[in-house]
């Protein structure tokens, strides 16, 4: 299959939108149930679910869809898999970040302040020095700016796409015999 960016975009958009929708719904559920975003259990949960399980699953599904729909010989090159994963992940992460930006700045601006307050209470409970608490709060508030969120999303998308593509690609039978 020759790399056809139009087909890759056409195939990747729905999966990117699904990724964004799942992330937004999960964010709303976390808001509704007032989950402490800075607890250790949430950090593990969000890392496994938001950054690994859901994005990887949708990337694999999107690449397999590309393989079955558009590649008659059922092969997909590393570049095709990489671009498909990038399209899916970047669309999903960017739309999710856009939602988070709108939510935290216009819908409920006090939500992040409340989460930071919970973080400070947790750190004080563990007798962390005030100077470390102030550094942590400043770092946390800085990391929730839209620019840093977008940058981090693109970096995570690229790293995940590079790794996932290695496992998704499927060589042509002739290439397998040669190599």
N, C-alpha and C. Protein backbone atom coordinates (compact mmCIF):
# COMPACT_ATOMS: atom_id res chain seq x y z
N UNK A 1 0.85 -1.17 0.00
CA UNK A 1 0.00 0.00 0.00
C UNK A 1 0.89 1.23 0.00
N UNK A 2 0.69 2.08 -0.96
CA UNK A 2 1.40 3.34 -1.03
C UNK A 2 0.76 4.31 -0.03
N UNK A 3 1.57 5.11 0.63
CA UNK A 3 1.03 6.03 1.63
C UNK A 3 0.10 7.02 0.96
N UNK A 4 -1.15 7.02 1.40
CA UNK A 4 -2.17 7.91 0.88
C UNK A 4 -2.72 8.69 2.07
N UNK A 5 -2.27 9.92 2.22
CA UNK A 5 -2.63 10.71 3.39
C UNK A 5 -4.12 11.02 3.44
N UNK A 6 -4.78 11.12 2.31
CA UNK A 6 -6.22 11.37 2.31
C UNK A 6 -6.96 10.21 2.94
N UNK A 7 -6.59 8.99 2.59
CA UNK A 7 -7.22 7.81 3.17
C UNK A 7 -6.90 7.69 4.65
N UNK A 8 -5.68 8.01 5.01
CA UNK A 8 -5.28 7.94 6.42
C UNK A 8 -6.07 8.95 7.25
N UNK A 9 -6.20 10.17 6.75
CA UNK A 9 -6.99 11.18 7.46
C UNK A 9 -8.45 10.77 7.55
N UNK A 10 -8.99 10.27 6.43
CA UNK A 10 -10.39 9.83 6.40
C UNK A 10 -10.62 8.71 7.41
N UNK A 11 -9.66 7.83 7.54
CA UNK A 11 -9.78 6.71 8.48
C UNK A 11 -9.50 7.14 9.91
N UNK A 12 -8.59 8.08 10.13
CA UNK A 12 -8.18 8.45 11.48
C UNK A 12 -9.13 9.39 12.20
N UNK A 13 -9.84 10.24 11.48
CA UNK A 13 -10.73 11.22 12.11
C UNK A 13 -11.74 10.59 13.06
N UNK A 14 -12.48 9.58 12.62
CA UNK A 14 -13.49 9.02 13.54
C UNK A 14 -12.87 8.47 14.82
N UNK A 15 -11.73 7.82 14.71
CA UNK A 15 -11.08 7.28 15.91
C UNK A 15 -10.55 8.39 16.81
N UNK A 16 -10.04 9.45 16.23
CA UNK A 16 -9.61 10.60 17.02
C UNK A 16 -10.77 11.26 17.73
N UNK A 17 -11.91 11.36 17.05
CA UNK A 17 -13.10 11.94 17.67
C UNK A 17 -13.62 11.05 18.80
N UNK A 18 -13.57 9.74 18.59
CA UNK A 18 -13.99 8.81 19.64
C UNK A 18 -13.07 8.94 20.85
N UNK A 19 -11.76 9.04 20.61
CA UNK A 19 -10.80 9.22 21.71
C UNK A 19 -11.11 10.50 22.48
N UNK A 20 -11.37 11.59 21.78
CA UNK A 20 -11.70 12.85 22.43
C UNK A 20 -13.00 12.72 23.22
N UNK A 21 -14.00 12.09 22.63
CA UNK A 21 -15.29 11.94 23.31
C UNK A 21 -15.15 11.12 24.58
N UNK A 22 -14.41 10.03 24.52
CA UNK A 22 -14.20 9.20 25.72
C UNK A 22 -13.47 10.00 26.79
N UNK A 23 -12.44 10.75 26.40
CA UNK A 23 -11.69 11.56 27.37
C UNK A 23 -12.58 12.62 28.00
N UNK A 24 -13.42 13.24 27.21
CA UNK A 24 -14.31 14.29 27.73
C UNK A 24 -15.33 13.69 28.68
N UNK A 25 -15.92 12.56 28.31
CA UNK A 25 -16.91 11.92 29.17
C UNK A 25 -16.26 11.49 30.49
N UNK A 26 -15.07 10.91 30.43
CA UNK A 26 -14.39 10.52 31.66
C UNK A 26 -14.05 11.75 32.51
N UNK A 27 -13.65 12.84 31.88
CA UNK A 27 -13.37 14.08 32.63
C UNK A 27 -14.63 14.60 33.31
N UNK A 28 -15.74 14.53 32.61
CA UNK A 28 -17.01 14.96 33.22
C UNK A 28 -17.40 14.07 34.39
N UNK A 29 -17.19 12.77 34.24
CA UNK A 29 -17.50 11.86 35.35
C UNK A 29 -16.61 12.15 36.57
N UNK A 30 -15.35 12.42 36.32
CA UNK A 30 -14.44 12.76 37.42
C UNK A 30 -14.89 14.05 38.11
N UNK A 31 -15.38 15.00 37.32
CA UNK A 31 -15.88 16.26 37.86
C UNK A 31 -17.15 16.02 38.68
N UNK A 32 -18.07 15.25 38.11
CA UNK A 32 -19.34 14.99 38.78
C UNK A 32 -19.13 14.28 40.11
N UNK A 33 -18.21 13.30 40.13
CA UNK A 33 -17.96 12.54 41.35
C UNK A 33 -16.90 13.18 42.24
N UNK A 34 -16.45 14.37 41.87
CA UNK A 34 -15.51 15.16 42.66
C UNK A 34 -14.28 14.36 43.08
N UNK A 35 -13.62 13.77 42.09
CA UNK A 35 -12.42 12.97 42.33
C UNK A 35 -11.23 13.90 42.55
N UNK A 36 -10.42 13.59 43.53
CA UNK A 36 -9.22 14.36 43.80
C UNK A 36 -8.17 14.05 42.72
N UNK A 37 -7.91 14.99 41.85
CA UNK A 37 -7.01 14.78 40.71
C UNK A 37 -5.56 14.56 41.12
N UNK A 38 -5.19 14.96 42.31
CA UNK A 38 -3.79 14.90 42.71
C UNK A 38 -3.49 13.77 43.69
N UNK A 39 -4.43 12.85 43.84
CA UNK A 39 -4.16 11.70 44.70
C UNK A 39 -3.31 10.69 43.93
N UNK A 40 -2.62 9.84 44.65
CA UNK A 40 -1.75 8.85 44.02
C UNK A 40 -2.58 7.86 43.21
N UNK A 41 -3.71 7.44 43.76
CA UNK A 41 -4.55 6.48 43.03
C UNK A 41 -5.07 7.08 41.73
N UNK A 42 -5.41 8.36 41.74
CA UNK A 42 -5.86 8.98 40.50
C UNK A 42 -4.72 9.09 39.50
N UNK A 43 -3.53 9.38 39.97
CA UNK A 43 -2.38 9.49 39.06
C UNK A 43 -2.14 8.16 38.35
N UNK A 44 -2.22 7.08 39.09
CA UNK A 44 -2.05 5.75 38.48
C UNK A 44 -3.20 5.48 37.51
N UNK A 45 -4.42 5.73 37.94
CA UNK A 45 -5.60 5.51 37.11
C UNK A 45 -5.54 6.32 35.81
N UNK A 46 -5.25 7.60 35.94
CA UNK A 46 -5.24 8.45 34.75
C UNK A 46 -4.10 8.08 33.82
N UNK A 47 -2.96 7.71 34.38
CA UNK A 47 -1.84 7.30 33.54
C UNK A 47 -2.16 6.04 32.75
N UNK A 48 -2.73 5.07 33.41
CA UNK A 48 -3.05 3.81 32.73
C UNK A 48 -4.22 3.95 31.76
N UNK A 49 -5.25 4.65 32.16
CA UNK A 49 -6.46 4.74 31.34
C UNK A 49 -6.36 5.83 30.29
N UNK A 50 -6.12 7.07 30.72
CA UNK A 50 -6.13 8.21 29.80
C UNK A 50 -4.95 8.22 28.83
N UNK A 51 -3.78 7.79 29.30
CA UNK A 51 -2.58 7.92 28.47
C UNK A 51 -2.14 6.62 27.80
N UNK A 52 -2.63 5.48 28.28
CA UNK A 52 -2.17 4.24 27.68
C UNK A 52 -3.33 3.41 27.11
N UNK A 53 -4.22 2.94 27.96
CA UNK A 53 -5.23 1.97 27.53
C UNK A 53 -6.13 2.49 26.40
N UNK A 54 -6.77 3.61 26.62
CA UNK A 54 -7.72 4.11 25.62
C UNK A 54 -7.01 4.57 24.35
N UNK A 55 -5.96 5.40 24.42
CA UNK A 55 -5.29 5.81 23.18
C UNK A 55 -4.69 4.64 22.40
N UNK A 56 -4.07 3.69 23.10
CA UNK A 56 -3.47 2.55 22.40
C UNK A 56 -4.55 1.71 21.74
N UNK A 57 -5.63 1.45 22.45
CA UNK A 57 -6.72 0.65 21.89
C UNK A 57 -7.29 1.30 20.64
N UNK A 58 -7.56 2.59 20.70
CA UNK A 58 -8.14 3.26 19.54
C UNK A 58 -7.14 3.37 18.39
N UNK A 59 -5.86 3.51 18.70
CA UNK A 59 -4.85 3.53 17.64
C UNK A 59 -4.76 2.19 16.94
N UNK A 60 -4.79 1.12 17.71
CA UNK A 60 -4.76 -0.22 17.12
C UNK A 60 -5.99 -0.46 16.27
N UNK A 61 -7.16 -0.09 16.78
CA UNK A 61 -8.39 -0.25 16.01
C UNK A 61 -8.35 0.58 14.72
N UNK A 62 -7.85 1.80 14.82
CA UNK A 62 -7.76 2.66 13.63
C UNK A 62 -6.81 2.11 12.59
N UNK A 63 -5.67 1.59 13.02
CA UNK A 63 -4.70 1.02 12.08
C UNK A 63 -5.24 -0.27 11.45
N UNK A 64 -5.91 -1.09 12.26
CA UNK A 64 -6.50 -2.31 11.70
C UNK A 64 -7.62 -1.98 10.71
N UNK A 65 -8.36 -0.93 11.00
CA UNK A 65 -9.40 -0.48 10.08
C UNK A 65 -8.78 -0.03 8.76
N UNK A 66 -7.68 0.71 8.84
CA UNK A 66 -6.99 1.15 7.63
C UNK A 66 -6.51 -0.07 6.85
N UNK A 67 -5.98 -1.03 7.56
CA UNK A 67 -5.47 -2.23 6.91
C UNK A 67 -6.59 -2.99 6.20
N UNK A 68 -7.72 -3.16 6.83
CA UNK A 68 -8.79 -3.97 6.21
C UNK A 68 -9.57 -3.19 5.16
N UNK A 69 -9.74 -1.89 5.34
CA UNK A 69 -10.53 -1.12 4.37
C UNK A 69 -9.74 -0.75 3.12
N UNK A 70 -8.51 -0.30 3.32
CA UNK A 70 -7.81 0.34 2.22
C UNK A 70 -6.60 -0.42 1.69
N UNK A 71 -6.20 -1.48 2.35
CA UNK A 71 -5.05 -2.23 1.87
C UNK A 71 -5.52 -3.62 1.44
N UNK A 72 -5.70 -3.82 0.15
CA UNK A 72 -6.24 -5.10 -0.30
C UNK A 72 -5.38 -6.29 0.10
N UNK A 73 -4.09 -6.11 0.19
CA UNK A 73 -3.20 -7.21 0.57
C UNK A 73 -3.05 -7.31 2.09
N UNK A 74 -3.83 -6.51 2.84
CA UNK A 74 -3.85 -6.53 4.30
C UNK A 74 -2.48 -6.26 4.94
N UNK A 75 -1.70 -5.42 4.29
CA UNK A 75 -0.43 -5.02 4.87
C UNK A 75 -0.49 -3.54 5.19
N UNK A 76 0.32 -3.13 6.13
CA UNK A 76 0.41 -1.72 6.47
C UNK A 76 1.87 -1.43 6.80
N UNK A 77 2.40 -0.41 6.21
CA UNK A 77 3.80 -0.07 6.45
C UNK A 77 3.93 0.67 7.78
N UNK A 78 5.15 0.78 8.23
CA UNK A 78 5.43 1.51 9.46
C UNK A 78 4.99 2.97 9.33
N UNK A 79 5.26 3.58 8.18
CA UNK A 79 4.90 4.98 7.97
C UNK A 79 3.39 5.16 8.00
N UNK A 80 2.65 4.25 7.35
CA UNK A 80 1.19 4.35 7.36
C UNK A 80 0.65 4.19 8.79
N UNK A 81 1.19 3.22 9.51
CA UNK A 81 0.76 3.01 10.89
C UNK A 81 1.11 4.22 11.75
N UNK A 82 2.30 4.77 11.55
CA UNK A 82 2.74 5.93 12.32
C UNK A 82 1.84 7.14 12.06
N UNK A 83 1.58 7.42 10.80
CA UNK A 83 0.75 8.58 10.47
C UNK A 83 -0.68 8.38 10.97
N UNK A 84 -1.20 7.17 10.83
CA UNK A 84 -2.55 6.89 11.33
C UNK A 84 -2.62 7.09 12.84
N UNK A 85 -1.66 6.55 13.56
CA UNK A 85 -1.63 6.73 15.02
C UNK A 85 -1.50 8.20 15.39
N UNK A 86 -0.64 8.92 14.69
CA UNK A 86 -0.48 10.35 14.98
C UNK A 86 -1.78 11.12 14.76
N UNK A 87 -2.46 10.82 13.66
CA UNK A 87 -3.73 11.51 13.38
C UNK A 87 -4.72 11.23 14.50
N UNK A 88 -4.87 9.97 14.86
CA UNK A 88 -5.83 9.59 15.90
C UNK A 88 -5.48 10.25 17.23
N UNK A 89 -4.23 10.11 17.63
CA UNK A 89 -3.82 10.61 18.95
C UNK A 89 -3.83 12.13 19.02
N UNK A 90 -3.35 12.79 18.00
CA UNK A 90 -3.31 14.26 18.05
C UNK A 90 -4.73 14.83 18.03
N UNK A 91 -5.60 14.29 17.19
CA UNK A 91 -6.99 14.78 17.18
C UNK A 91 -7.62 14.56 18.55
N UNK A 92 -7.48 13.35 19.08
CA UNK A 92 -8.09 13.05 20.38
C UNK A 92 -7.55 13.90 21.50
N UNK A 93 -6.22 14.01 21.58
CA UNK A 93 -5.62 14.78 22.66
C UNK A 93 -5.90 16.28 22.52
N UNK A 94 -5.82 16.80 21.32
CA UNK A 94 -6.03 18.24 21.15
C UNK A 94 -7.47 18.64 21.46
N UNK A 95 -8.44 17.85 21.00
CA UNK A 95 -9.84 18.16 21.31
C UNK A 95 -10.12 18.02 22.81
N UNK A 96 -9.52 17.04 23.42
CA UNK A 96 -9.67 16.87 24.87
C UNK A 96 -9.06 18.06 25.62
N UNK A 97 -7.90 18.51 25.17
CA UNK A 97 -7.27 19.69 25.80
C UNK A 97 -8.11 20.95 25.58
N UNK A 98 -8.69 21.08 24.40
CA UNK A 98 -9.55 22.23 24.13
C UNK A 98 -10.75 22.23 25.08
N UNK A 99 -11.34 21.05 25.26
CA UNK A 99 -12.45 20.93 26.21
C UNK A 99 -11.98 21.34 27.62
N UNK A 100 -10.84 20.79 28.06
CA UNK A 100 -10.33 21.10 29.41
C UNK A 100 -10.06 22.59 29.57
N UNK A 101 -9.53 23.21 28.54
CA UNK A 101 -9.26 24.66 28.59
C UNK A 101 -10.57 25.43 28.75
N UNK A 102 -11.56 25.09 27.93
CA UNK A 102 -12.85 25.79 27.99
C UNK A 102 -13.50 25.55 29.35
N UNK A 103 -13.46 24.30 29.81
CA UNK A 103 -14.08 23.97 31.09
C UNK A 103 -13.41 24.73 32.24
N UNK A 104 -12.08 24.69 32.29
CA UNK A 104 -11.36 25.30 33.42
C UNK A 104 -11.32 26.81 33.38
N UNK A 105 -11.52 27.41 32.20
CA UNK A 105 -11.45 28.87 32.13
C UNK A 105 -12.80 29.55 32.00
N UNK A 106 -13.82 28.85 31.52
CA UNK A 106 -15.10 29.50 31.28
C UNK A 106 -16.27 28.83 32.00
N UNK A 107 -16.31 27.52 32.04
CA UNK A 107 -17.45 26.82 32.64
C UNK A 107 -17.34 26.80 34.16
N UNK A 108 -16.21 26.34 34.70
CA UNK A 108 -16.02 26.29 36.14
C UNK A 108 -14.57 26.67 36.49
N UNK A 109 -14.28 27.97 36.48
CA UNK A 109 -12.91 28.41 36.77
C UNK A 109 -12.44 28.06 38.19
N UNK A 110 -13.36 27.84 39.09
CA UNK A 110 -12.97 27.52 40.47
C UNK A 110 -12.58 26.06 40.65
N UNK A 111 -12.85 25.21 39.68
CA UNK A 111 -12.59 23.78 39.81
C UNK A 111 -11.11 23.49 40.04
N UNK A 112 -10.24 24.05 39.23
CA UNK A 112 -8.80 23.79 39.40
C UNK A 112 -8.28 24.40 40.70
N UNK A 113 -8.83 25.54 41.10
CA UNK A 113 -8.42 26.13 42.37
C UNK A 113 -8.78 25.19 43.53
N UNK A 114 -9.94 24.57 43.43
CA UNK A 114 -10.37 23.62 44.45
C UNK A 114 -9.46 22.39 44.46
N UNK A 115 -9.08 21.92 43.28
CA UNK A 115 -8.19 20.76 43.19
C UNK A 115 -6.81 21.10 43.77
N UNK A 116 -6.32 22.29 43.51
CA UNK A 116 -5.03 22.71 44.06
C UNK A 116 -5.13 22.83 45.58
N UNK A 117 -6.27 23.31 46.06
CA UNK A 117 -6.48 23.39 47.51
C UNK A 117 -6.42 22.00 48.14
N UNK A 118 -7.02 21.02 47.48
CA UNK A 118 -6.97 19.63 47.98
C UNK A 118 -5.53 19.11 47.97
N UNK A 119 -4.77 19.49 46.95
CA UNK A 119 -3.37 19.09 46.88
C UNK A 119 -2.59 19.67 48.06
N UNK A 120 -2.81 20.95 48.35
CA UNK A 120 -2.12 21.60 49.46
C UNK A 120 -2.48 20.91 50.78
N UNK A 121 -3.76 20.60 50.96
CA UNK A 121 -4.18 19.91 52.19
C UNK A 121 -3.50 18.55 52.31
N UNK A 122 -3.41 17.83 51.21
CA UNK A 122 -2.77 16.51 51.23
C UNK A 122 -1.29 16.64 51.59
N UNK A 123 -0.62 17.63 50.99
CA UNK A 123 0.81 17.82 51.27
C UNK A 123 1.03 18.26 52.72
N UNK A 124 0.15 19.11 53.23
CA UNK A 124 0.28 19.55 54.62
C UNK A 124 0.06 18.37 55.57
N UNK A 125 -0.83 17.47 55.20
CA UNK A 125 -1.10 16.29 56.03
C UNK A 125 0.15 15.41 56.14
N UNK A 126 0.98 15.41 55.11
CA UNK A 126 2.21 14.63 55.12
C UNK A 126 3.42 15.45 55.61
N UNK A 127 3.15 16.61 56.20
CA UNK A 127 4.19 17.47 56.78
C UNK A 127 5.26 17.91 55.78
N UNK A 128 4.84 18.20 54.58
CA UNK A 128 5.76 18.71 53.57
C UNK A 128 6.04 20.18 53.91
N UNK A 129 7.30 20.61 53.83
CA UNK A 129 7.63 22.01 54.14
C UNK A 129 6.87 22.98 53.21
N UNK A 130 6.53 24.13 53.76
CA UNK A 130 5.74 25.12 53.02
C UNK A 130 6.42 25.55 51.73
N UNK A 131 7.72 25.65 51.74
CA UNK A 131 8.45 26.06 50.53
C UNK A 131 8.26 25.02 49.41
N UNK A 132 8.26 23.74 49.75
CA UNK A 132 8.02 22.67 48.75
C UNK A 132 6.58 22.71 48.25
N UNK A 133 5.67 23.00 49.16
CA UNK A 133 4.26 23.10 48.78
C UNK A 133 4.08 24.23 47.78
N UNK A 134 4.70 25.38 48.05
CA UNK A 134 4.59 26.53 47.14
C UNK A 134 5.17 26.20 45.77
N UNK A 135 6.31 25.49 45.74
CA UNK A 135 6.90 25.08 44.47
C UNK A 135 5.98 24.14 43.71
N UNK A 136 5.38 23.20 44.43
CA UNK A 136 4.48 22.23 43.81
C UNK A 136 3.26 22.92 43.24
N UNK A 137 2.68 23.85 43.97
CA UNK A 137 1.51 24.59 43.50
C UNK A 137 1.86 25.41 42.26
N UNK A 138 2.99 26.08 42.29
CA UNK A 138 3.41 26.88 41.13
C UNK A 138 3.63 25.99 39.91
N UNK A 139 4.26 24.87 40.11
CA UNK A 139 4.50 23.93 39.01
C UNK A 139 3.19 23.38 38.47
N UNK A 140 2.28 23.05 39.36
CA UNK A 140 0.98 22.51 38.95
C UNK A 140 0.20 23.53 38.14
N UNK A 141 0.14 24.75 38.62
CA UNK A 141 -0.59 25.80 37.90
C UNK A 141 0.05 26.09 36.55
N UNK A 142 1.36 26.04 36.49
CA UNK A 142 2.06 26.27 35.22
C UNK A 142 1.74 25.16 34.23
N UNK A 143 1.69 23.90 34.70
CA UNK A 143 1.43 22.77 33.81
C UNK A 143 0.01 22.73 33.27
N UNK A 144 -0.89 23.49 33.86
CA UNK A 144 -2.27 23.52 33.37
C UNK A 144 -2.53 24.71 32.44
N UNK A 145 -1.48 25.34 31.95
CA UNK A 145 -1.68 26.37 30.93
C UNK A 145 -1.89 25.67 29.59
N UNK A 146 -2.63 26.27 28.71
CA UNK A 146 -2.99 25.62 27.45
C UNK A 146 -1.77 25.31 26.60
N UNK A 147 -0.79 26.16 26.60
CA UNK A 147 0.41 25.92 25.80
C UNK A 147 1.17 24.68 26.24
N UNK A 148 1.34 24.53 27.53
CA UNK A 148 2.06 23.37 28.05
C UNK A 148 1.23 22.10 27.87
N UNK A 149 -0.08 22.20 28.06
CA UNK A 149 -0.93 21.03 27.84
C UNK A 149 -0.85 20.57 26.39
N UNK A 150 -0.89 21.50 25.45
CA UNK A 150 -0.81 21.14 24.04
C UNK A 150 0.55 20.54 23.70
N UNK A 151 1.61 21.15 24.20
CA UNK A 151 2.95 20.62 23.95
C UNK A 151 3.10 19.20 24.50
N UNK A 152 2.66 19.01 25.73
CA UNK A 152 2.75 17.68 26.33
C UNK A 152 1.92 16.66 25.56
N UNK A 153 0.77 17.07 25.08
CA UNK A 153 -0.08 16.15 24.30
C UNK A 153 0.60 15.73 23.01
N UNK A 154 1.21 16.67 22.33
CA UNK A 154 1.89 16.35 21.08
C UNK A 154 3.07 15.42 21.35
N UNK A 155 3.83 15.69 22.40
CA UNK A 155 4.97 14.82 22.74
C UNK A 155 4.49 13.41 23.06
N UNK A 156 3.45 13.30 23.88
CA UNK A 156 2.91 11.98 24.23
C UNK A 156 2.38 11.28 23.00
N UNK A 157 1.70 12.02 22.12
CA UNK A 157 1.16 11.42 20.89
C UNK A 157 2.27 10.89 20.01
N UNK A 158 3.33 11.64 19.85
CA UNK A 158 4.45 11.20 19.01
C UNK A 158 5.11 9.96 19.59
N UNK A 159 5.38 9.97 20.89
CA UNK A 159 6.03 8.82 21.52
C UNK A 159 5.15 7.57 21.42
N UNK A 160 3.87 7.72 21.76
CA UNK A 160 2.97 6.58 21.65
C UNK A 160 2.86 6.07 20.21
N UNK A 161 2.75 6.99 19.25
CA UNK A 161 2.63 6.59 17.85
C UNK A 161 3.87 5.85 17.37
N UNK A 162 5.05 6.31 17.77
CA UNK A 162 6.28 5.63 17.39
C UNK A 162 6.32 4.20 17.93
N UNK A 163 5.88 4.03 19.16
CA UNK A 163 5.91 2.70 19.78
C UNK A 163 4.82 1.80 19.20
N UNK A 164 3.61 2.31 19.12
CA UNK A 164 2.48 1.50 18.64
C UNK A 164 2.72 1.05 17.20
N UNK A 165 3.26 1.92 16.38
CA UNK A 165 3.47 1.62 14.96
C UNK A 165 4.40 0.44 14.75
N UNK A 166 5.34 0.27 15.65
CA UNK A 166 6.26 -0.87 15.54
C UNK A 166 5.48 -2.18 15.60
N UNK A 167 4.49 -2.24 16.46
CA UNK A 167 3.73 -3.47 16.64
C UNK A 167 2.60 -3.63 15.64
N UNK A 168 2.14 -2.53 15.06
CA UNK A 168 1.00 -2.58 14.14
C UNK A 168 1.42 -2.94 12.73
N UNK A 169 2.54 -2.43 12.29
CA UNK A 169 2.94 -2.64 10.89
C UNK A 169 2.95 -4.12 10.55
N UNK A 170 2.64 -4.38 9.31
CA UNK A 170 2.68 -5.75 8.85
C UNK A 170 3.37 -5.73 7.51
N UNK A 171 4.46 -6.47 7.43
CA UNK A 171 5.25 -6.48 6.21
C UNK A 171 4.57 -7.31 5.13
N UNK A 172 4.89 -6.97 3.92
CA UNK A 172 4.44 -7.75 2.78
C UNK A 172 5.16 -9.09 2.81
N UNK A 173 4.54 -10.14 2.28
CA UNK A 173 5.13 -11.49 2.28
C UNK A 173 6.49 -11.51 1.60
N UNK A 174 6.66 -10.77 0.51
CA UNK A 174 7.93 -10.72 -0.19
C UNK A 174 9.01 -10.10 0.68
N UNK A 175 8.67 -9.03 1.40
CA UNK A 175 9.64 -8.39 2.29
C UNK A 175 10.05 -9.35 3.41
N UNK A 176 9.10 -10.13 3.92
CA UNK A 176 9.43 -11.06 4.99
C UNK A 176 10.43 -12.11 4.53
N UNK A 177 10.31 -12.56 3.27
CA UNK A 177 11.23 -13.57 2.74
C UNK A 177 12.61 -12.98 2.54
N UNK A 178 12.68 -11.73 2.12
CA UNK A 178 13.97 -11.08 1.85
C UNK A 178 14.70 -10.82 3.15
N UNK A 179 13.97 -10.32 4.15
CA UNK A 179 14.58 -9.95 5.44
C UNK A 179 14.77 -11.16 6.24
